[in-house]
PDB file of N, CA and C in Angstrom:
ATOM      1  N   UNK A   1     -22.089 -10.804 -43.031  1.00  0.00           N
ATOM      2  CA  UNK A   1     -22.479 -10.359 -41.657  1.00  0.00           C
ATOM      3  C   UNK A   1     -22.622 -11.570 -40.817  1.00  0.00           C
ATOM      4  N   UNK A   2     -22.087 -11.549 -39.677  1.00  0.00           N
ATOM      5  CA  UNK A   2     -21.893 -12.469 -38.705  1.00  0.00           C
ATOM      6  C   UNK A   2     -23.451 -13.023 -38.195  1.00  0.00           C
ATOM      7  N   UNK A   3     -23.669 -13.931 -37.656  1.00  0.00           N
ATOM      8  CA  UNK A   3     -24.947 -14.199 -37.352  1.00  0.00           C
ATOM      9  C   UNK A   3     -25.641 -13.387 -35.964  1.00  0.00           C
ATOM     10  N   UNK A   4     -24.671 -13.058 -35.129  1.00  0.00           N
ATOM     11  CA  UNK A   4     -24.919 -12.376 -34.028  1.00  0.00           C
ATOM     12  C   UNK A   4     -25.421 -10.689 -34.430  1.00  0.00           C
ATOM     13  N   UNK A   5     -24.730 -10.142 -35.141  1.00  0.00           N
ATOM     14  CA  UNK A   5     -24.768  -9.091 -35.763  1.00  0.00           C
ATOM     15  C   UNK A   5     -26.247  -8.991 -36.506  1.00  0.00           C
ATOM     16  N   UNK A   6     -26.651  -9.895 -37.353  1.00  0.00           N
ATOM     17  CA  UNK A   6     -27.702 -10.165 -38.201  1.00  0.00           C
ATOM     18  C   UNK A   6     -28.889 -10.008 -37.169  1.00  0.00           C
ATOM     19  N   UNK A   7     -28.762 -10.924 -36.188  1.00  0.00           N
ATOM     20  CA  UNK A   7     -29.968 -10.881 -35.357  1.00  0.00           C
ATOM     21  C   UNK A   7     -30.121  -9.851 -34.342  1.00  0.00           C
ATOM     22  N   UNK A   8     -28.978  -9.231 -33.980  1.00  0.00           N
ATOM     23  CA  UNK A   8     -29.111  -7.805 -33.746  1.00  0.00           C
ATOM     24  C   UNK A   8     -29.786  -6.742 -34.171  1.00  0.00           C
ATOM     25  N   UNK A   9     -29.349  -6.760 -35.396  1.00  0.00           N
ATOM     26  CA  UNK A   9     -29.938  -5.991 -36.502  1.00  0.00           C
ATOM     27  C   UNK A   9     -31.169  -5.893 -36.770  1.00  0.00           C
ATOM     28  N   UNK A  10     -31.613  -7.077 -37.128  1.00  0.00           N
ATOM     29  CA  UNK A  10     -33.302  -7.323 -37.010  1.00  0.00           C
ATOM     30  C   UNK A  10     -33.986  -6.818 -36.087  1.00  0.00           C
ATOM     31  N   UNK A  11     -33.430  -7.234 -34.738  1.00  0.00           N
ATOM     32  CA  UNK A  11     -34.522  -6.927 -33.679  1.00  0.00           C
ATOM     33  C   UNK A  11     -34.278  -5.230 -33.589  1.00  0.00           C
ATOM     34  N   UNK A  12     -33.088  -4.680 -33.715  1.00  0.00           N
ATOM     35  CA  UNK A  12     -32.832  -3.260 -33.555  1.00  0.00           C
ATOM     36  C   UNK A  12     -33.922  -2.430 -34.607  1.00  0.00           C
ATOM     37  N   UNK A  13     -33.818  -3.003 -35.658  1.00  0.00           N
ATOM     38  CA  UNK A  13     -34.700  -2.391 -36.918  1.00  0.00           C
ATOM     39  C   UNK A  13     -36.341  -2.547 -36.552  1.00  0.00           C
ATOM     40  N   UNK A  14     -36.599  -3.625 -35.804  1.00  0.00           N
ATOM     41  CA  UNK A  14     -37.978  -3.889 -35.558  1.00  0.00           C
ATOM     42  C   UNK A  14     -38.457  -2.962 -34.429  1.00  0.00           C
ATOM     43  N   UNK A  15     -37.610  -2.806 -33.216  1.00  0.00           N
ATOM     44  CA  UNK A  15     -37.778  -1.743 -32.191  1.00  0.00           C
ATOM     45  C   UNK A  15     -37.650  -0.270 -32.593  1.00  0.00           C
ATOM     46  N   UNK A  16     -37.011  -0.009 -33.704  1.00  0.00           N
ATOM     47  CA  UNK A  16     -37.013   1.463 -34.344  1.00  0.00           C
ATOM     48  C   UNK A  16     -38.143   1.847 -35.072  1.00  0.00           C
ATOM     49  N   UNK A  17     -39.224   0.622 -35.233  1.00  0.00           N
ATOM     50  CA  UNK A  17     -40.346   0.917 -36.035  1.00  0.00           C
ATOM     51  C   UNK A  17     -40.010   1.199 -37.316  1.00  0.00           C
ATOM     52  N   UNK A  18     -38.961   0.466 -37.787  1.00  0.00           N
ATOM     53  CA  UNK A  18     -38.377   0.342 -39.223  1.00  0.00           C
ATOM     54  C   UNK A  18     -37.780  -0.999 -39.673  1.00  0.00           C
ATOM     55  N   UNK A  19     -38.939  -1.814 -39.676  1.00  0.00           N
ATOM     56  CA  UNK A  19     -38.512  -3.414 -39.819  1.00  0.00           C
ATOM     57  C   UNK A  19     -37.532  -3.802 -41.271  1.00  0.00           C
ATOM     58  N   UNK A  20     -36.691  -4.792 -41.058  1.00  0.00           N
ATOM     59  CA  UNK A  20     -35.960  -5.174 -42.063  1.00  0.00           C
ATOM     60  C   UNK A  20     -36.634  -6.013 -43.203  1.00  0.00           C
ATOM     61  N   UNK A  21     -37.394  -5.185 -44.036  1.00  0.00           N
ATOM     62  CA  UNK A  21     -38.129  -5.979 -45.246  1.00  0.00           C
ATOM     63  C   UNK A  21     -37.177  -6.421 -46.197  1.00  0.00           C
ATOM     64  N   UNK A  22     -37.429  -7.004 -46.975  1.00  0.00           N
ATOM     65  CA  UNK A  22     -36.674  -7.326 -48.329  1.00  0.00           C
ATOM     66  C   UNK A  22     -36.333  -6.163 -49.082  1.00  0.00           C
ATOM     67  N   UNK A  23     -37.126  -5.073 -49.203  1.00  0.00           N
ATOM     68  CA  UNK A  23     -36.673  -3.866 -49.697  1.00  0.00           C
ATOM     69  C   UNK A  23     -35.790  -2.963 -48.847  1.00  0.00           C
ATOM     70  N   UNK A  24     -36.117  -2.954 -47.440  1.00  0.00           N
ATOM     71  CA  UNK A  24     -34.987  -2.282 -46.764  1.00  0.00           C
ATOM     72  C   UNK A  24     -33.908  -2.955 -46.462  1.00  0.00           C
ATOM     73  N   UNK A  25     -33.681  -4.246 -46.520  1.00  0.00           N
ATOM     74  CA  UNK A  25     -32.446  -4.866 -46.792  1.00  0.00           C
ATOM     75  C   UNK A  25     -31.831  -4.707 -48.002  1.00  0.00           C
ATOM     76  N   UNK A  26     -32.309  -4.569 -49.200  1.00  0.00           N
ATOM     77  CA  UNK A  26     -31.768  -4.486 -50.426  1.00  0.00           C
ATOM     78  C   UNK A  26     -31.105  -2.953 -50.494  1.00  0.00           C
ATOM     79  N   UNK A  27     -32.050  -1.918 -49.969  1.00  0.00           N
ATOM     80  CA  UNK A  27     -31.646  -0.429 -49.672  1.00  0.00           C
ATOM     81  C   UNK A  27     -30.220  -0.580 -48.931  1.00  0.00           C
ATOM     82  N   UNK A  28     -30.255  -1.072 -47.770  1.00  0.00           N
ATOM     83  CA  UNK A  28     -29.108  -1.185 -46.908  1.00  0.00           C
ATOM     84  C   UNK A  28     -27.953  -1.818 -47.639  1.00  0.00           C
ATOM     85  N   UNK A  29     -27.975  -2.807 -48.407  1.00  0.00           N
ATOM     86  CA  UNK A  29     -26.866  -3.086 -49.040  1.00  0.00           C
ATOM     87  C   UNK A  29     -26.567  -2.389 -50.298  1.00  0.00           C
ATOM     88  N   UNK A  30     -27.374  -1.740 -50.659  1.00  0.00           N
ATOM     89  CA  UNK A  30     -27.100  -0.706 -52.090  1.00  0.00           C
ATOM     90  C   UNK A  30     -26.164   0.465 -51.467  1.00  0.00           C
ATOM     91  N   UNK A  31     -26.852   0.777 -50.322  1.00  0.00           N
ATOM     92  CA  UNK A  31     -26.136   2.258 -49.799  1.00  0.00           C
ATOM     93  C   UNK A  31     -24.710   1.788 -48.969  1.00  0.00           C
ATOM     94  N   UNK A  32     -24.698   0.505 -48.539  1.00  0.00           N
ATOM     95  CA  UNK A  32     -23.257   0.212 -47.953  1.00  0.00           C
ATOM     96  C   UNK A  32     -22.404   0.203 -49.139  1.00  0.00           C
ATOM     97  N   UNK A  33     -22.816  -0.515 -50.029  1.00  0.00           N
ATOM     98  CA  UNK A  33     -22.146  -0.565 -51.354  1.00  0.00           C
ATOM     99  C   UNK A  33     -21.519   0.619 -51.785  1.00  0.00           C
ATOM    100  N   UNK A  34     -22.373   1.558 -51.961  1.00  0.00           N
ATOM    101  CA  UNK A  34     -22.162   3.008 -52.776  1.00  0.00           C
ATOM    102  C   UNK A  34     -21.248   3.678 -51.538  1.00  0.00           C
ATOM    103  N   UNK A  35     -21.389   3.253 -50.459  1.00  0.00           N
ATOM    104  CA  UNK A  35     -20.224   4.114 -49.459  1.00  0.00           C
ATOM    105  C   UNK A  35     -18.893   3.346 -49.142  1.00  0.00           C
ATOM    106  N   UNK A  36     -19.025   2.066 -49.914  1.00  0.00           N
ATOM    107  CA  UNK A  36     -17.803   1.462 -49.665  1.00  0.00           C
ATOM    108  C   UNK A  36     -17.473   0.757 -48.320  1.00  0.00           C
ATOM    109  N   UNK A  37     -18.778   0.454 -47.857  1.00  0.00           N
ATOM    110  CA  UNK A  37     -18.743  -0.355 -46.518  1.00  0.00           C
ATOM    111  C   UNK A  37     -19.405  -1.711 -46.749  1.00  0.00           C
ATOM    112  N   UNK A  38     -19.094  -2.532 -45.827  1.00  0.00           N
ATOM    113  CA  UNK A  38     -19.568  -3.999 -45.636  1.00  0.00           C
ATOM    114  C   UNK A  38     -20.900  -3.692 -45.226  1.00  0.00           C
ATOM    115  N   UNK A  39     -21.963  -4.537 -45.281  1.00  0.00           N
ATOM    116  CA  UNK A  39     -23.059  -4.855 -44.726  1.00  0.00           C
ATOM    117  C   UNK A  39     -23.157  -4.560 -43.368  1.00  0.00           C
ATOM    118  N   UNK A  40     -21.906  -5.311 -42.734  1.00  0.00           N
ATOM    119  CA  UNK A  40     -21.931  -5.515 -41.272  1.00  0.00           C
ATOM    120  C   UNK A  40     -21.586  -4.064 -40.789  1.00  0.00           C
ATOM    121  N   UNK A  41     -20.591  -3.682 -41.290  1.00  0.00           N
ATOM    122  CA  UNK A  41     -20.044  -2.250 -40.697  1.00  0.00           C
ATOM    123  C   UNK A  41     -21.332  -1.242 -40.866  1.00  0.00           C
ATOM    124  N   UNK A  42     -22.069  -1.321 -41.765  1.00  0.00           N
ATOM    125  CA  UNK A  42     -23.092  -0.211 -41.932  1.00  0.00           C
ATOM    126  C   UNK A  42     -24.227  -0.574 -40.982  1.00  0.00           C
ATOM    127  N   UNK A  43     -24.506  -1.976 -40.842  1.00  0.00           N
ATOM    128  CA  UNK A  43     -25.466  -2.086 -39.734  1.00  0.00           C
ATOM    129  C   UNK A  43     -24.914  -1.746 -38.388  1.00  0.00           C
ATOM    130  N   UNK A  44     -23.474  -2.066 -38.197  1.00  0.00           N
ATOM    131  CA  UNK A  44     -23.200  -1.619 -36.798  1.00  0.00           C
ATOM    132  C   UNK A  44     -23.150  -0.112 -36.503  1.00  0.00           C
ATOM    133  N   UNK A  45     -22.837   0.604 -37.635  1.00  0.00           N
ATOM    134  CA  UNK A  45     -22.991   2.168 -37.459  1.00  0.00           C
ATOM    135  C   UNK A  45     -24.411   2.548 -37.362  1.00  0.00           C
ATOM    136  N   UNK A  46     -25.415   1.884 -38.162  1.00  0.00           N
ATOM    137  CA  UNK A  46     -26.794   2.162 -37.797  1.00  0.00           C
ATOM    138  C   UNK A  46     -27.247   2.104 -36.319  1.00  0.00           C
ATOM    139  N   UNK A  47     -26.973   0.809 -35.793  1.00  0.00           N
ATOM    140  CA  UNK A  47     -27.203   0.671 -34.262  1.00  0.00           C
ATOM    141  C   UNK A  47     -26.590   1.675 -33.300  1.00  0.00           C
ATOM    142  N   UNK A  48     -25.172   1.878 -33.688  1.00  0.00           N
ATOM    143  CA  UNK A  48     -24.425   2.682 -32.783  1.00  0.00           C
ATOM    144  C   UNK A  48     -24.940   4.139 -32.683  1.00  0.00           C
ATOM    145  N   UNK A  49     -25.475   4.598 -34.085  1.00  0.00           N
ATOM    146  CA  UNK A  49     -25.797   5.894 -33.998  1.00  0.00           C
ATOM    147  C   UNK A  49     -27.295   6.304 -33.774  1.00  0.00           C
ATOM    148  N   UNK A  50     -27.993   5.033 -33.666  1.00  0.00           N
ATOM    149  CA  UNK A  50     -29.564   5.025 -33.632  1.00  0.00           C
ATOM    150  C   UNK A  50     -30.264   5.832 -34.764  1.00  0.00           C
ATOM    151  N   UNK A  51     -29.624   5.282 -35.907  1.00  0.00           N
ATOM    152  CA  UNK A  51     -30.406   5.603 -37.052  1.00  0.00           C
ATOM    153  C   UNK A  51     -31.556   4.448 -37.513  1.00  0.00           C
ATOM    154  N   UNK A  52     -32.446   4.964 -38.334  1.00  0.00           N
ATOM    155  CA  UNK A  52     -33.524   3.684 -38.837  1.00  0.00           C
ATOM    156  C   UNK A  52     -32.604   3.148 -39.777  1.00  0.00           C
ATOM    157  N   UNK A  53     -31.698   3.826 -40.692  1.00  0.00           N
ATOM    158  CA  UNK A  53     -31.483   3.199 -41.989  1.00  0.00           C
ATOM    159  C   UNK A  53     -30.008   3.900 -42.048  1.00  0.00           C
ATOM    160  N   UNK A  54     -29.307   3.365 -43.284  1.00  0.00           N
ATOM    161  CA  UNK A  54     -27.908   3.512 -43.634  1.00  0.00           C
ATOM    162  C   UNK A  54     -28.246   4.387 -45.230  1.00  0.00           C
ATOM    163  N   UNK A  55     -27.462   5.659 -45.135  1.00  0.00           N
ATOM    164  CA  UNK A  55     -27.338   6.212 -46.392  1.00  0.00           C
ATOM    165  C   UNK A  55     -25.863   6.569 -46.545  1.00  0.00           C
ATOM    166  N   UNK A  56     -25.389   6.283 -47.910  1.00  0.00           N
ATOM    167  CA  UNK A  56     -23.965   6.509 -48.042  1.00  0.00           C
ATOM    168  C   UNK A  56     -23.628   7.974 -47.727  1.00  0.00           C
ATOM    169  N   UNK A  57     -24.489   8.707 -48.082  1.00  0.00           N
ATOM    170  CA  UNK A  57     -24.140  10.399 -47.885  1.00  0.00           C
ATOM    171  C   UNK A  57     -23.984  10.752 -46.209  1.00  0.00           C
ATOM    172  N   UNK A  58     -24.685   9.710 -45.378  1.00  0.00           N
ATOM    173  CA  UNK A  58     -24.313  10.002 -44.005  1.00  0.00           C
ATOM    174  C   UNK A  58     -22.765   9.740 -43.416  1.00  0.00           C
ATOM    175  N   UNK A  59     -22.190   8.878 -44.383  1.00  0.00           N
ATOM    176  CA  UNK A  59     -20.796   8.617 -43.968  1.00  0.00           C
ATOM    177  C   UNK A  59     -20.013   8.997 -44.862  1.00  0.00           C
ATOM    178  N   UNK A  60     -19.919   9.784 -45.823  1.00  0.00           N
ATOM    179  CA  UNK A  60     -19.303  10.374 -46.873  1.00  0.00           C
ATOM    180  C   UNK A  60     -17.888  10.525 -46.543  1.00  0.00           C
ATOM    181  N   UNK A  61     -17.808  11.297 -45.249  1.00  0.00           N
ATOM    182  CA  UNK A  61     -16.452  11.730 -44.696  1.00  0.00           C
ATOM    183  C   UNK A  61     -15.766  10.607 -43.995  1.00  0.00           C
ATOM    184  N   UNK A  62     -16.337   9.510 -43.707  1.00  0.00           N
ATOM    185  CA  UNK A  62     -15.620   8.220 -43.219  1.00  0.00           C
ATOM    186  C   UNK A  62     -15.441   7.111 -44.180  1.00  0.00           C
ATOM    187  N   UNK A  63     -15.642   7.392 -45.528  1.00  0.00           N
ATOM    188  CA  UNK A  63     -15.474   6.393 -46.515  1.00  0.00           C
ATOM    189  C   UNK A  63     -14.050   5.686 -46.328  1.00  0.00           C
ATOM    190  N   UNK A  64     -12.873   6.572 -46.321  1.00  0.00           N
ATOM    191  CA  UNK A  64     -11.516   5.930 -46.508  1.00  0.00           C
ATOM    192  C   UNK A  64     -11.254   5.215 -45.227  1.00  0.00           C
ATOM    193  N   UNK A  65     -12.008   5.512 -44.210  1.00  0.00           N
ATOM    194  CA  UNK A  65     -11.602   5.211 -42.747  1.00  0.00           C
ATOM    195  C   UNK A  65     -12.083   3.661 -42.460  1.00  0.00           C
ATOM    196  N   UNK A  66     -13.256   3.198 -43.454  1.00  0.00           N
ATOM    197  CA  UNK A  66     -13.590   1.833 -43.094  1.00  0.00           C
ATOM    198  C   UNK A  66     -12.860   0.762 -44.041  1.00  0.00           C
ATOM    199  N   UNK A  67     -11.537   0.590 -43.732  1.00  0.00           N
ATOM    200  CA  UNK A  67     -10.882  -0.538 -44.649  1.00  0.00           C
ATOM    201  C   UNK A  67     -10.294  -1.519 -43.755  1.00  0.00           C
ATOM    202  N   UNK A  68     -11.001  -1.471 -42.519  1.00  0.00           N
ATOM    203  CA  UNK A  68     -10.308  -2.405 -41.318  1.00  0.00           C
ATOM    204  C   UNK A  68     -11.099  -3.870 -41.728  1.00  0.00           C
ATOM    205  N   UNK A  69     -11.051  -4.607 -40.516  1.00  0.00           N
ATOM    206  CA  UNK A  69     -11.342  -6.215 -40.549  1.00  0.00           C
ATOM    207  C   UNK A  69     -12.818  -6.214 -40.857  1.00  0.00           C
ATOM    208  N   UNK A  70     -13.688  -5.222 -40.567  1.00  0.00           N
ATOM    209  CA  UNK A  70     -15.081  -5.473 -40.676  1.00  0.00           C
ATOM    210  C   UNK A  70     -15.612  -5.316 -42.331  1.00  0.00           C
ATOM    211  N   UNK A  71     -14.772  -4.508 -43.037  1.00  0.00           N
ATOM    212  CA  UNK A  71     -15.303  -4.342 -44.384  1.00  0.00           C
ATOM    213  C   UNK A  71     -14.353  -5.544 -45.221  1.00  0.00           C
ATOM    214  N   UNK A  72     -13.812  -6.346 -44.588  1.00  0.00           N
ATOM    215  CA  UNK A  72     -13.073  -7.381 -44.966  1.00  0.00           C
ATOM    216  C   UNK A  72     -13.873  -8.849 -44.909  1.00  0.00           C
ATOM    217  N   UNK A  73     -14.833  -8.680 -44.130  1.00  0.00           N
ATOM    218  CA  UNK A  73     -15.633  -9.821 -43.978  1.00  0.00           C
ATOM    219  C   UNK A  73     -16.521 -10.321 -44.989  1.00  0.00           C
ATOM    220  N   UNK A  74     -16.887 -11.344 -45.457  1.00  0.00           N
ATOM    221  CA  UNK A  74     -17.739 -11.649 -46.660  1.00  0.00           C
ATOM    222  C   UNK A  74     -19.155 -10.937 -45.988  1.00  0.00           C
ATOM    223  N   UNK A  75     -19.768 -10.321 -47.161  1.00  0.00           N
ATOM    224  CA  UNK A  75     -21.026  -9.684 -46.876  1.00  0.00           C
ATOM    225  C   UNK A  75     -22.014 -10.682 -47.450  1.00  0.00           C
ATOM    226  N   UNK A  76     -23.351 -10.409 -46.830  1.00  0.00           N
ATOM    227  CA  UNK A  76     -24.708 -10.954 -47.357  1.00  0.00           C
ATOM    228  C   UNK A  76     -24.858  -9.923 -48.446  1.00  0.00           C
ATOM    229  N   UNK A  77     -25.571 -10.537 -49.473  1.00  0.00           N
ATOM    230  CA  UNK A  77     -26.176  -9.733 -50.480  1.00  0.00           C
ATOM    231  C   UNK A  77     -27.628  -9.410 -50.063  1.00  0.00           C
ATOM    232  N   UNK A  78     -28.245  -8.656 -50.979  1.00  0.00           N
ATOM    233  CA  UNK A  78     -29.583  -8.256 -50.963  1.00  0.00           C
ATOM    234  C   UNK A  78     -30.512  -9.607 -51.160  1.00  0.00           C
ATOM    235  N   UNK A  79     -30.280 -10.548 -51.972  1.00  0.00           N
ATOM    236  CA  UNK A  79     -31.003 -11.573 -52.181  1.00  0.00           C
ATOM    237  C   UNK A  79     -30.586 -12.627 -51.378  1.00  0.00           C
ATOM    238  N   UNK A  80     -29.632 -12.592 -50.446  1.00  0.00           N
ATOM    239  CA  UNK A  80     -29.497 -13.658 -48.927  1.00  0.00           C
ATOM    240  C   UNK A  80     -30.701 -13.582 -48.231  1.00  0.00           C
ATOM    241  N   UNK A  81     -31.157 -14.632 -47.701  1.00  0.00           N
ATOM    242  CA  UNK A  81     -32.223 -14.560 -46.628  1.00  0.00           C
ATOM    243  C   UNK A  81     -31.763 -14.428 -45.274  1.00  0.00           C
ATOM    244  N   UNK A  82     -31.900 -13.219 -44.362  1.00  0.00           N
ATOM    245  CA  UNK A  82     -31.538 -13.075 -43.288  1.00  0.00           C
ATOM    246  C   UNK A  82     -32.065 -14.037 -42.250  1.00  0.00           C
ATOM    247  N   UNK A  83     -33.206 -14.540 -42.708  1.00  0.00           N
ATOM    248  CA  UNK A  83     -33.684 -15.462 -41.552  1.00  0.00           C
ATOM    249  C   UNK A  83     -32.837 -16.777 -41.475  1.00  0.00           C
ATOM    250  N   UNK A  84     -32.134 -17.162 -42.479  1.00  0.00           N
ATOM    251  CA  UNK A  84     -31.311 -18.327 -42.141  1.00  0.00           C
ATOM    252  C   UNK A  84     -30.344 -18.032 -41.186  1.00  0.00           C
ATOM    253  N   UNK A  85     -30.087 -17.085 -40.714  1.00  0.00           N
ATOM    254  CA  UNK A  85     -28.949 -16.847 -39.422  1.00  0.00           C
ATOM    255  C   UNK A  85     -29.607 -17.176 -38.084  1.00  0.00           C
ATOM    256  N   UNK A  86     -31.000 -17.154 -38.045  1.00  0.00           N
ATOM    257  CA  UNK A  86     -31.603 -17.535 -36.918  1.00  0.00           C
ATOM    258  C   UNK A  86     -31.368 -18.829 -36.155  1.00  0.00           C
ATOM    259  N   UNK A  87     -30.935 -19.009 -35.074  1.00  0.00           N
ATOM    260  CA  UNK A  87     -30.681 -20.445 -34.446  1.00  0.00           C
ATOM    261  C   UNK A  87     -32.113 -21.076 -34.505  1.00  0.00           C
TER     262      UNK A  87
END
Protein backbone atom coordinates (compact mmCIF):
# COMPACT_ATOMS: atom_id res chain seq x y z
CA UNK A 1 0.00 0.00 0.00
CA UNK A 2 1.38 3.40 -0.82
CA UNK A 3 2.09 5.62 2.19
CA UNK A 4 -0.54 8.27 1.37
CA UNK A 5 -3.31 5.70 1.08
CA UNK A 6 -2.17 4.07 4.32
CA UNK A 7 -2.30 7.39 6.19
CA UNK A 8 -5.68 8.24 4.65
CA UNK A 9 -7.04 4.79 5.50
CA UNK A 10 -5.92 4.98 9.13
CA UNK A 11 -7.51 8.43 9.48
CA UNK A 12 -10.68 7.31 7.72
CA UNK A 13 -11.08 4.26 9.96
CA UNK A 14 -10.59 6.37 13.10
CA UNK A 15 -13.15 8.93 11.93
CA UNK A 16 -15.58 6.10 11.15
CA UNK A 17 -15.28 4.93 14.79
CA UNK A 18 -13.68 1.69 13.55
CA UNK A 19 -9.97 2.16 14.33
CA UNK A 20 -7.46 0.12 12.39
CA UNK A 21 -6.30 -2.15 15.18
CA UNK A 22 -3.93 -5.05 14.56
CA UNK A 23 -6.91 -7.38 14.38
CA UNK A 24 -8.84 -5.07 12.02
CA UNK A 25 -5.75 -4.88 9.76
CA UNK A 26 -5.41 -8.68 9.76
CA UNK A 27 -9.12 -8.99 8.90
CA UNK A 28 -8.74 -6.42 6.10
CA UNK A 29 -5.77 -8.31 4.62
CA UNK A 30 -7.55 -11.67 4.89
CA UNK A 31 -10.74 -10.39 3.26
CA UNK A 32 -8.84 -8.59 0.50
CA UNK A 33 -6.99 -11.83 -0.23
CA UNK A 34 -10.23 -13.83 -0.27
CA UNK A 35 -11.65 -11.38 -2.80
CA UNK A 36 -8.50 -11.43 -4.94
CA UNK A 37 -7.92 -7.73 -4.28
CA UNK A 38 -4.82 -5.90 -3.10
CA UNK A 39 -5.04 -4.36 0.36
CA UNK A 40 -4.73 -0.96 -1.31
CA UNK A 41 -7.65 -1.55 -3.68
CA UNK A 42 -9.74 -2.83 -0.77
CA UNK A 43 -8.89 0.23 1.36
CA UNK A 44 -9.75 2.55 -1.52
CA UNK A 45 -13.11 0.77 -1.93
CA UNK A 46 -13.85 1.06 1.80
CA UNK A 47 -13.20 4.79 1.72
CA UNK A 48 -15.09 5.38 -1.54
CA UNK A 49 -18.15 3.46 -0.34
CA UNK A 50 -18.01 4.80 3.24
CA UNK A 51 -17.85 1.30 4.68
CA UNK A 52 -16.46 0.52 8.12
CA UNK A 53 -14.53 -2.45 6.76
CA UNK A 54 -13.96 -4.69 3.76
CA UNK A 55 -15.53 -8.10 3.27
CA UNK A 56 -14.97 -10.27 0.23
CA UNK A 57 -18.72 -10.92 -0.09
CA UNK A 58 -19.31 -7.19 -0.63
CA UNK A 59 -17.40 -7.30 -3.91
CA UNK A 60 -17.95 -10.86 -5.12
CA UNK A 61 -19.42 -9.53 -8.38
CA UNK A 62 -16.39 -7.27 -8.92
CA UNK A 63 -13.73 -9.94 -8.37
CA UNK A 64 -12.59 -10.24 -11.95
CA UNK A 65 -12.74 -6.48 -12.53
CA UNK A 66 -9.86 -5.78 -10.11
CA UNK A 67 -6.91 -6.90 -12.23
CA UNK A 68 -5.49 -3.45 -13.00
CA UNK A 69 -2.47 -1.59 -11.63
CA UNK A 70 -3.75 -1.25 -8.04
CA UNK A 71 -3.86 -5.01 -7.57
CA UNK A 72 -0.38 -5.39 -9.08
CA UNK A 73 1.26 -3.19 -6.46
CA UNK A 74 3.13 -4.87 -3.63
CA UNK A 75 0.77 -5.24 -0.69
CA UNK A 76 1.41 -4.86 3.01
CA UNK A 77 0.70 -8.00 4.94
CA UNK A 78 -1.13 -8.38 8.22
CA UNK A 79 2.15 -8.54 10.11
CA UNK A 80 3.52 -5.32 8.56
CA UNK A 81 3.39 -2.31 10.84
CA UNK A 82 1.32 0.48 9.28
CA UNK A 83 2.78 3.00 11.67
CA UNK A 84 6.03 2.82 9.68
CA UNK A 85 4.42 4.75 6.82
CA UNK A 86 3.83 7.88 8.88
CA UNK A 87 6.24 10.71 8.10
